[in-house]
């Protein structure tokens, strides 16, 4: 099997994320916000819960904006701003702070920011190997740890197709996450799951 389809600028395989089942993500997000809330989904990908035209082609039933999260300014505020897909774990602290600042300038004063991160400590325990999620198979390989930063390659197989995505991520503990939120004028209100991968925050002012 060869690699299939388009890839987003960060290496994410577009077709895979358009086909992959959403998992627990929608339930976690919906449980954190009131019914009918307006939601700004930053980096929405293929709309599973975009930062490329190819990803945005798969989004249905929502207004779409192709922009850099770091500099986005819609001059509107939303009941919920969502920053999923572990974007918080990028290895560039300046980029991380800019993305959180975008969350802060788009959330309503009484709204919330819902953030997905790698569960603290995951880099210390993650190992190379394979697992399944629904009909998809994931295989983590080429794992290299450098302190709190790790790099790896993920090979995905689904419905007879294969994709490869190499990435880097930086682990953030609770204190580091709180510090990044504070720099953006946000504060952590709650964790939304047992692993503490999902964080609910609000404006600190």
Protein backbone atom coordinates (compact mmCIF):
# COMPACT_ATOMS: atom_id res chain seq x y z
CA UNK A 1 0.00 0.00 0.00
CA UNK A 2 1.30 3.44 -0.88
CA UNK A 3 0.69 6.81 0.73
CA UNK A 4 -2.68 8.30 -0.21
CA UNK A 5 -4.13 11.76 -0.86
CA UNK A 6 -3.29 15.30 0.18
CA UNK A 7 -1.45 16.38 3.32
CA UNK A 8 -2.02 19.56 5.32
CA UNK A 9 0.95 21.88 5.95
CA UNK A 10 1.74 20.17 9.28
CA UNK A 11 1.79 16.76 7.61
CA UNK A 12 -1.71 15.66 8.64
CA UNK A 13 -3.25 13.31 6.06
CA UNK A 14 -6.46 14.99 4.89
CA UNK A 15 -8.32 11.92 3.66
CA UNK A 16 -7.63 9.98 6.86
CA UNK A 17 -9.09 12.68 9.11
CA UNK A 18 -12.10 13.02 6.82
CA UNK A 19 -12.76 9.28 7.21
CA UNK A 20 -11.71 8.71 10.83
CA UNK A 21 -14.48 8.38 13.42
CA UNK A 22 -14.60 11.25 15.91
CA UNK A 23 -14.29 9.15 19.09
CA UNK A 24 -15.00 10.81 22.44
CA UNK A 25 -14.14 14.34 21.35
CA UNK A 26 -17.65 15.61 20.49
CA UNK A 27 -19.11 14.33 23.77
CA UNK A 28 -16.36 16.03 25.79
CA UNK A 29 -16.81 19.35 24.00
CA UNK A 30 -20.62 19.26 24.03
CA UNK A 31 -20.59 18.41 27.72
CA UNK A 32 -18.58 21.54 28.47
CA UNK A 33 -20.80 24.08 26.72
CA UNK A 34 -24.51 24.92 26.78
CA UNK A 35 -26.84 23.83 24.00
CA UNK A 36 -26.94 26.31 21.14
CA UNK A 37 -23.60 27.90 22.03
CA UNK A 38 -21.64 29.57 19.26
CA UNK A 39 -18.32 27.79 18.70
CA UNK A 40 -15.13 28.90 16.99
CA UNK A 41 -13.18 25.73 16.13
CA UNK A 42 -9.57 26.77 15.57
CA UNK A 43 -7.68 24.33 13.36
CA UNK A 44 -10.90 22.42 12.73
CA UNK A 45 -9.26 19.96 10.35
CA UNK A 46 -11.81 18.02 8.34
CA UNK A 47 -14.59 18.96 10.75
CA UNK A 48 -14.39 15.89 12.99
CA UNK A 49 -15.04 17.71 16.16
CA UNK A 50 -8.33 23.47 9.27
CA UNK A 51 -5.65 24.91 8.51
CA UNK A 52 -5.54 24.04 4.80
CA UNK A 53 -7.90 24.39 1.85
CA UNK A 54 -7.93 20.60 1.47
CA UNK A 55 -9.12 20.13 5.06
CA UNK A 56 -11.77 22.84 4.79
CA UNK A 57 -13.31 21.15 1.74
CA UNK A 58 -14.68 18.48 4.09
CA UNK A 59 -16.35 20.85 6.56
CA UNK A 60 -20.14 21.03 6.20
CA UNK A 61 -22.78 23.16 7.88
CA UNK A 62 -20.43 25.82 9.25
CA UNK A 63 -18.90 29.12 8.21
CA UNK A 64 -15.32 28.49 7.08
CA UNK A 65 -12.33 30.81 7.31
CA UNK A 66 -8.87 29.92 5.98
CA UNK A 67 -6.37 31.78 8.16
CA UNK A 68 -3.33 31.47 10.38
CA UNK A 69 -4.58 30.82 13.91
CA UNK A 70 -1.80 32.97 15.36
CA UNK A 71 -2.95 36.13 13.61
CA UNK A 72 -6.67 35.43 13.23
CA UNK A 73 -8.92 38.32 14.29
CA UNK A 74 -12.55 37.93 13.27
CA UNK A 75 -13.58 40.90 15.44
CA UNK A 76 -16.30 38.67 16.87
CA UNK A 77 -16.59 36.75 20.12
CA UNK A 78 -17.98 33.28 20.68
CA UNK A 79 -19.50 31.33 23.55
CA UNK A 80 -16.79 28.70 23.11
CA UNK A 81 -13.40 28.72 21.41
CA UNK A 82 -12.05 25.24 20.70
CA UNK A 83 -8.33 24.49 20.29
CA UNK A 84 -8.15 20.74 19.76
CA UNK A 85 -5.75 18.26 18.11
CA UNK A 86 -2.94 18.87 20.63
CA UNK A 87 -1.99 22.16 18.95
CA UNK A 88 -1.01 23.35 22.43
CA UNK A 89 1.89 20.88 22.36
CA UNK A 90 3.72 22.56 19.48
CA UNK A 91 7.42 22.89 20.24
CA UNK A 92 7.51 26.64 19.52
CA UNK A 93 6.47 28.56 22.65
CA UNK A 94 5.91 31.76 20.64
CA UNK A 95 3.44 29.96 18.39
CA UNK A 96 1.74 28.41 21.42
CA UNK A 97 1.32 31.79 23.08
CA UNK A 98 -0.02 33.31 19.85
CA UNK A 99 -2.63 30.57 19.46
CA UNK A 100 -3.81 31.03 23.04
CA UNK A 101 -3.95 34.79 22.50
CA UNK A 102 -6.25 34.11 19.51
CA UNK A 103 -8.46 32.06 21.83
CA UNK A 104 -8.57 34.92 24.34
CA UNK A 105 -9.51 37.61 21.84
CA UNK A 106 -12.36 35.53 20.39
CA UNK A 107 -14.02 34.19 23.56
CA UNK A 108 -16.99 36.02 25.08
CA UNK A 109 -16.48 37.50 28.56
CA UNK A 110 -18.69 34.79 30.05
CA UNK A 111 -17.66 32.09 27.55
CA UNK A 112 -15.08 29.31 27.71
CA UNK A 113 -12.04 28.02 25.88
CA UNK A 114 -11.81 24.24 25.48
CA UNK A 115 -8.31 22.94 24.81
CA UNK A 116 -7.00 19.48 24.01
CA UNK A 117 -3.42 18.66 24.95
CA UNK A 118 -1.34 15.52 25.27
CA UNK A 119 -2.12 14.01 28.65
CA UNK A 120 0.67 15.00 31.09
CA UNK A 121 3.34 12.33 31.36
CA UNK A 122 2.40 10.67 28.09
CA UNK A 123 5.84 11.26 26.58
CA UNK A 124 7.32 9.38 29.53
CA UNK A 125 5.26 6.26 28.87
CA UNK A 126 4.48 6.24 25.15
CA UNK A 127 6.21 3.45 23.27
CA UNK A 128 6.53 2.36 19.68
CA UNK A 129 3.84 -0.08 18.65
CA UNK A 130 0.45 -0.55 17.00
CA UNK A 131 -3.15 -0.17 18.14
CA UNK A 132 -6.60 0.13 16.57
CA UNK A 133 -9.45 2.61 16.78
CA UNK A 134 -12.57 1.42 15.06
CA UNK A 135 -11.50 0.24 11.62
CA UNK A 136 -8.25 2.23 11.66
CA UNK A 137 -4.82 0.88 12.63
CA UNK A 138 -2.14 3.19 14.06
CA UNK A 139 1.55 2.31 14.25
CA UNK A 140 3.96 4.58 16.12
CA UNK A 141 7.56 4.30 14.98
CA UNK A 142 10.85 6.24 14.90
CA UNK A 143 10.27 7.52 18.43
CA UNK A 144 13.01 9.83 19.78
CA UNK A 145 12.86 11.58 23.16
CA UNK A 146 14.82 14.75 23.94
CA UNK A 147 13.82 15.80 27.43
CA UNK A 148 10.21 17.01 27.29
CA UNK A 149 10.18 17.00 23.47
CA UNK A 150 9.60 13.88 21.45
CA UNK A 151 9.42 13.17 17.75
CA UNK A 152 7.91 10.17 16.02
CA UNK A 153 6.25 8.94 12.87
CA UNK A 154 2.70 7.64 12.87
CA UNK A 155 1.60 5.23 10.14
CA UNK A 156 -2.18 4.98 9.67
CA UNK A 157 -4.04 2.27 7.77
CA UNK A 158 -7.75 2.44 6.97
CA UNK A 159 -9.86 0.77 4.30
CA UNK A 160 -6.85 -0.49 2.36
CA UNK A 161 -5.02 2.86 2.36
CA UNK A 162 -1.94 3.99 4.26
CA UNK A 163 -0.77 7.40 5.44
CA UNK A 164 2.39 8.54 7.23
CA UNK A 165 2.72 11.58 9.51
CA UNK A 166 5.97 12.63 11.19
CA UNK A 167 5.64 15.12 14.04
CA UNK A 168 7.23 16.74 17.08
CA UNK A 169 5.50 17.57 20.35
CA UNK A 170 6.44 19.16 23.66
CA UNK A 171 4.88 17.87 26.86
CA UNK A 172 3.30 20.46 29.16
CA UNK A 173 2.49 19.70 32.77
CA UNK A 174 -0.35 21.43 34.62
CA UNK A 175 1.84 24.27 35.88
CA UNK A 176 3.26 24.96 32.42
CA UNK A 177 -0.21 24.85 30.90
CA UNK A 178 -1.51 27.28 33.51
CA UNK A 179 1.42 29.59 32.82
CA UNK A 180 0.74 29.60 29.09
CA UNK A 181 -2.93 30.32 29.74
CA UNK A 182 -2.06 33.18 32.10
CA UNK A 183 0.19 34.81 29.50
CA UNK A 184 -2.84 34.96 27.21
CA UNK A 185 -5.11 36.38 29.90
CA UNK A 186 -6.86 33.05 30.51
CA UNK A 187 -7.27 30.82 33.56
CA UNK A 188 -7.95 27.11 33.91
CA UNK A 189 -11.37 26.31 35.33
CA UNK A 190 -11.52 22.54 35.09
CA UNK A 191 -10.24 19.35 33.52
CA UNK A 192 -12.85 17.64 31.36
CA UNK A 193 -11.56 14.06 31.40
CA UNK A 194 -9.72 11.70 33.75
CA UNK A 195 -6.42 11.93 31.87
CA UNK A 196 -6.46 15.77 32.08
CA UNK A 197 -5.94 15.96 28.33
CA UNK A 198 -8.96 18.29 27.96
CA UNK A 199 -8.87 21.67 29.71
CA UNK A 200 -11.66 24.20 30.14
CA UNK A 201 -10.54 27.81 30.62
CA UNK A 202 -12.05 31.27 30.70
CA UNK A 203 -11.01 34.90 30.61
CA UNK A 204 -8.98 35.88 33.67
CA UNK A 205 -10.30 39.44 33.60
